[in-house]
């Protein structure tokens, strides 16, 4: 995973995560502190990672994909807690 800018554009970062329902609140709280959009993908569903109701509606038995184009150290640490090797 790398973050870089090119001609004023941010590169999209894509991470695979897996979390339990009781961990959603912490994840959403960290995502909400970011000043950039963060989306979570599962199959054909796309959810705003800053929406606790949206995230709670996902399948926690599956690996989820998080995509964002920005950097926040606290959010990176949070994502690292949930990251899975692919």
N, C-alpha and C. Protein backbone atom coordinates (compact mmCIF):
# COMPACT_ATOMS: atom_id res chain seq x y z
N UNK A 1 0.84 -1.15 0.00
CA UNK A 1 0.00 0.00 0.00
C UNK A 1 0.90 1.23 0.00
N UNK A 2 0.68 2.10 -0.93
CA UNK A 2 1.44 3.34 -1.02
C UNK A 2 0.49 4.50 -1.24
N UNK A 3 0.90 5.65 -0.77
CA UNK A 3 0.13 6.86 -0.99
C UNK A 3 1.04 7.85 -1.69
N UNK A 4 0.60 8.35 -2.80
CA UNK A 4 1.40 9.34 -3.51
C UNK A 4 0.49 10.30 -4.25
N UNK A 5 1.04 11.44 -4.58
CA UNK A 5 0.29 12.39 -5.38
C UNK A 5 1.01 12.57 -6.70
N UNK A 6 0.25 12.80 -7.72
CA UNK A 6 0.79 12.99 -9.05
C UNK A 6 -0.01 14.09 -9.71
N UNK A 7 0.62 15.22 -9.99
CA UNK A 7 -0.06 16.35 -10.60
C UNK A 7 -1.30 16.76 -9.81
N UNK A 8 -1.16 16.78 -8.48
CA UNK A 8 -2.28 17.21 -7.65
C UNK A 8 -3.35 16.16 -7.42
N UNK A 9 -3.17 14.97 -7.94
CA UNK A 9 -4.15 13.90 -7.75
C UNK A 9 -3.66 12.92 -6.70
N UNK A 10 -4.58 12.38 -5.97
CA UNK A 10 -4.24 11.37 -4.97
C UNK A 10 -4.46 9.98 -5.57
N UNK A 11 -3.59 9.08 -5.24
CA UNK A 11 -3.74 7.70 -5.67
C UNK A 11 -4.72 7.00 -4.74
N UNK A 12 -5.64 6.22 -5.28
CA UNK A 12 -6.57 5.47 -4.47
C UNK A 12 -5.83 4.35 -3.75
N UNK A 13 -6.10 4.22 -2.48
CA UNK A 13 -5.53 3.16 -1.67
C UNK A 13 -6.63 2.12 -1.48
N UNK A 14 -6.28 0.87 -1.67
CA UNK A 14 -7.25 -0.22 -1.52
C UNK A 14 -6.69 -1.22 -0.52
N UNK A 15 -7.46 -1.50 0.52
CA UNK A 15 -7.03 -2.44 1.55
C UNK A 15 -8.12 -3.47 1.79
N UNK A 16 -7.73 -4.68 2.07
CA UNK A 16 -8.67 -5.76 2.42
C UNK A 16 -8.70 -5.86 3.94
N UNK A 17 -9.92 -5.87 4.49
CA UNK A 17 -10.06 -5.95 5.94
C UNK A 17 -11.12 -6.97 6.32
N UNK A 18 -11.09 -7.35 7.57
CA UNK A 18 -12.12 -8.20 8.15
C UNK A 18 -12.30 -7.74 9.59
N UNK A 19 -13.54 -7.49 9.97
CA UNK A 19 -13.80 -7.06 11.34
C UNK A 19 -15.08 -7.69 11.86
N UNK A 20 -15.21 -7.63 13.18
CA UNK A 20 -16.40 -8.16 13.84
C UNK A 20 -17.36 -7.00 14.11
N UNK A 21 -18.65 -7.30 14.28
CA UNK A 21 -19.63 -6.23 14.52
C UNK A 21 -19.28 -5.33 15.70
N UNK A 22 -18.69 -5.87 16.74
CA UNK A 22 -18.35 -5.05 17.91
C UNK A 22 -17.18 -4.10 17.65
N UNK A 23 -16.48 -4.27 16.54
CA UNK A 23 -15.36 -3.40 16.19
C UNK A 23 -15.77 -2.25 15.25
N UNK A 24 -17.00 -2.28 14.77
CA UNK A 24 -17.47 -1.29 13.80
C UNK A 24 -17.43 0.13 14.35
N UNK A 25 -17.84 0.31 15.60
CA UNK A 25 -17.88 1.64 16.18
C UNK A 25 -16.50 2.31 16.14
N UNK A 26 -15.46 1.58 16.53
CA UNK A 26 -14.10 2.14 16.50
C UNK A 26 -13.67 2.48 15.07
N UNK A 27 -13.98 1.59 14.13
CA UNK A 27 -13.61 1.83 12.74
C UNK A 27 -14.30 3.08 12.19
N UNK A 28 -15.61 3.18 12.42
CA UNK A 28 -16.38 4.33 11.91
C UNK A 28 -15.92 5.62 12.59
N UNK A 29 -15.61 5.57 13.87
CA UNK A 29 -15.12 6.77 14.56
C UNK A 29 -13.82 7.27 13.94
N UNK A 30 -12.90 6.37 13.65
CA UNK A 30 -11.63 6.78 13.03
C UNK A 30 -11.85 7.28 11.60
N UNK A 31 -12.72 6.62 10.86
CA UNK A 31 -13.02 7.06 9.49
C UNK A 31 -13.65 8.45 9.48
N UNK A 32 -14.50 8.72 10.46
CA UNK A 32 -15.21 10.00 10.53
C UNK A 32 -14.27 11.18 10.79
N UNK A 33 -13.12 10.92 11.33
CA UNK A 33 -12.14 11.97 11.60
C UNK A 33 -11.36 12.39 10.35
N UNK A 34 -11.50 11.64 9.27
CA UNK A 34 -10.75 11.91 8.04
C UNK A 34 -11.49 12.92 7.18
N UNK A 35 -10.73 13.76 6.47
CA UNK A 35 -11.34 14.78 5.62
C UNK A 35 -11.40 14.34 4.16
N UNK A 36 -11.39 13.05 3.93
CA UNK A 36 -11.50 12.48 2.58
C UNK A 36 -12.54 11.36 2.61
N UNK A 37 -13.04 10.99 1.44
CA UNK A 37 -14.05 9.94 1.35
C UNK A 37 -13.42 8.57 1.56
N UNK A 38 -14.16 7.71 2.24
CA UNK A 38 -13.73 6.33 2.47
C UNK A 38 -14.93 5.45 2.17
N UNK A 39 -14.74 4.49 1.29
CA UNK A 39 -15.82 3.57 0.93
C UNK A 39 -15.43 2.15 1.27
N UNK A 40 -16.43 1.35 1.61
CA UNK A 40 -16.24 -0.08 1.85
C UNK A 40 -17.05 -0.82 0.80
N UNK A 41 -16.41 -1.79 0.16
CA UNK A 41 -17.04 -2.58 -0.90
C UNK A 41 -17.19 -4.02 -0.45
N UNK A 42 -18.35 -4.58 -0.76
CA UNK A 42 -18.59 -6.00 -0.57
C UNK A 42 -19.51 -6.44 -1.71
N UNK A 43 -19.03 -7.34 -2.53
CA UNK A 43 -19.75 -7.75 -3.75
C UNK A 43 -20.13 -6.50 -4.53
N UNK A 44 -21.41 -6.28 -4.76
CA UNK A 44 -21.84 -5.12 -5.53
C UNK A 44 -22.33 -3.97 -4.64
N UNK A 45 -22.13 -4.08 -3.33
CA UNK A 45 -22.53 -3.04 -2.39
C UNK A 45 -21.37 -2.09 -2.11
N UNK A 46 -21.68 -0.81 -2.07
CA UNK A 46 -20.70 0.22 -1.70
C UNK A 46 -21.31 1.01 -0.55
N UNK A 47 -20.55 1.13 0.54
CA UNK A 47 -21.06 1.80 1.73
C UNK A 47 -20.07 2.88 2.16
N UNK A 48 -20.59 3.99 2.61
CA UNK A 48 -19.77 5.06 3.17
C UNK A 48 -19.23 4.56 4.51
N UNK A 49 -17.91 4.52 4.67
CA UNK A 49 -17.28 4.00 5.88
C UNK A 49 -17.55 4.89 7.09
N UNK A 50 -18.08 6.08 6.89
CA UNK A 50 -18.39 6.98 7.99
C UNK A 50 -19.82 6.80 8.49
N UNK A 51 -20.54 5.86 7.90
CA UNK A 51 -21.93 5.58 8.27
C UNK A 51 -22.00 4.29 9.08
N UNK A 52 -22.30 4.41 10.36
CA UNK A 52 -22.34 3.22 11.20
C UNK A 52 -23.46 2.27 10.76
N UNK A 53 -24.59 2.82 10.33
CA UNK A 53 -25.67 1.96 9.86
C UNK A 53 -25.29 1.24 8.57
N UNK A 54 -24.61 1.94 7.68
CA UNK A 54 -24.18 1.32 6.43
C UNK A 54 -23.19 0.21 6.68
N UNK A 55 -22.22 0.45 7.53
CA UNK A 55 -21.19 -0.55 7.80
C UNK A 55 -21.79 -1.75 8.54
N UNK A 56 -22.71 -1.49 9.46
CA UNK A 56 -23.34 -2.60 10.21
C UNK A 56 -24.15 -3.52 9.29
N UNK A 57 -24.55 -3.03 8.13
CA UNK A 57 -25.33 -3.84 7.20
C UNK A 57 -24.50 -4.77 6.34
N UNK A 58 -23.18 -4.74 6.50
CA UNK A 58 -22.30 -5.58 5.67
C UNK A 58 -22.18 -6.98 6.25
N UNK A 59 -21.69 -7.90 5.45
CA UNK A 59 -21.48 -9.28 5.86
C UNK A 59 -20.11 -9.39 6.53
N UNK A 60 -20.09 -9.60 7.83
CA UNK A 60 -18.83 -9.65 8.57
C UNK A 60 -18.14 -11.00 8.48
N UNK A 61 -18.75 -11.95 7.80
CA UNK A 61 -18.10 -13.25 7.57
C UNK A 61 -17.20 -13.20 6.34
N UNK A 62 -17.26 -12.11 5.62
CA UNK A 62 -16.50 -11.97 4.37
C UNK A 62 -15.42 -10.92 4.51
N UNK A 63 -14.47 -10.97 3.58
CA UNK A 63 -13.44 -9.95 3.51
C UNK A 63 -14.02 -8.74 2.80
N UNK A 64 -13.80 -7.56 3.37
CA UNK A 64 -14.30 -6.31 2.83
C UNK A 64 -13.16 -5.53 2.21
N UNK A 65 -13.46 -4.69 1.23
CA UNK A 65 -12.46 -3.85 0.59
C UNK A 65 -12.71 -2.41 0.95
N UNK A 66 -11.68 -1.74 1.48
CA UNK A 66 -11.76 -0.33 1.83
C UNK A 66 -10.97 0.45 0.80
N UNK A 67 -11.57 1.51 0.24
CA UNK A 67 -10.88 2.36 -0.73
C UNK A 67 -10.96 3.81 -0.28
N UNK A 68 -9.83 4.50 -0.39
CA UNK A 68 -9.78 5.91 -0.01
C UNK A 68 -8.59 6.57 -0.69
N UNK A 69 -8.64 7.90 -0.76
CA UNK A 69 -7.58 8.66 -1.43
C UNK A 69 -7.17 9.81 -0.52
N UNK A 70 -6.52 9.47 0.55
CA UNK A 70 -6.06 10.47 1.50
C UNK A 70 -5.22 9.77 2.54
N UNK A 71 -4.67 10.56 3.46
CA UNK A 71 -3.84 9.96 4.49
C UNK A 71 -4.17 10.56 5.85
N UNK A 72 -4.37 9.67 6.82
CA UNK A 72 -4.55 10.04 8.21
C UNK A 72 -3.88 8.92 9.01
N UNK A 73 -2.86 9.27 9.78
CA UNK A 73 -2.08 8.27 10.51
C UNK A 73 -2.91 7.41 11.44
N UNK A 74 -3.86 8.02 12.17
CA UNK A 74 -4.70 7.26 13.08
C UNK A 74 -5.60 6.29 12.32
N UNK A 75 -6.12 6.73 11.18
CA UNK A 75 -6.95 5.84 10.37
C UNK A 75 -6.12 4.69 9.81
N UNK A 76 -4.89 4.98 9.38
CA UNK A 76 -4.01 3.92 8.88
C UNK A 76 -3.77 2.86 9.96
N UNK A 77 -3.54 3.31 11.19
CA UNK A 77 -3.34 2.36 12.29
C UNK A 77 -4.59 1.51 12.51
N UNK A 78 -5.75 2.13 12.40
CA UNK A 78 -7.01 1.41 12.56
C UNK A 78 -7.17 0.36 11.46
N UNK A 79 -6.93 0.76 10.21
CA UNK A 79 -7.05 -0.17 9.09
C UNK A 79 -6.05 -1.32 9.25
N UNK A 80 -4.85 -1.01 9.72
CA UNK A 80 -3.85 -2.06 9.92
C UNK A 80 -4.30 -3.11 10.92
N UNK A 81 -5.11 -2.71 11.92
CA UNK A 81 -5.62 -3.68 12.89
C UNK A 81 -6.54 -4.70 12.24
N UNK A 82 -7.24 -4.27 11.19
CA UNK A 82 -8.23 -5.13 10.55
C UNK A 82 -7.75 -5.74 9.24
N UNK A 83 -6.55 -5.38 8.80
CA UNK A 83 -6.04 -5.82 7.50
C UNK A 83 -5.84 -7.33 7.46
N UNK A 84 -6.11 -7.90 6.30
CA UNK A 84 -5.87 -9.32 6.07
C UNK A 84 -4.89 -9.48 4.92
N UNK A 85 -4.15 -10.54 4.95
CA UNK A 85 -3.21 -10.83 3.86
C UNK A 85 -3.97 -11.43 2.69
N UNK A 86 -3.68 -10.96 1.52
CA UNK A 86 -4.34 -11.50 0.31
C UNK A 86 -3.32 -12.00 -0.67
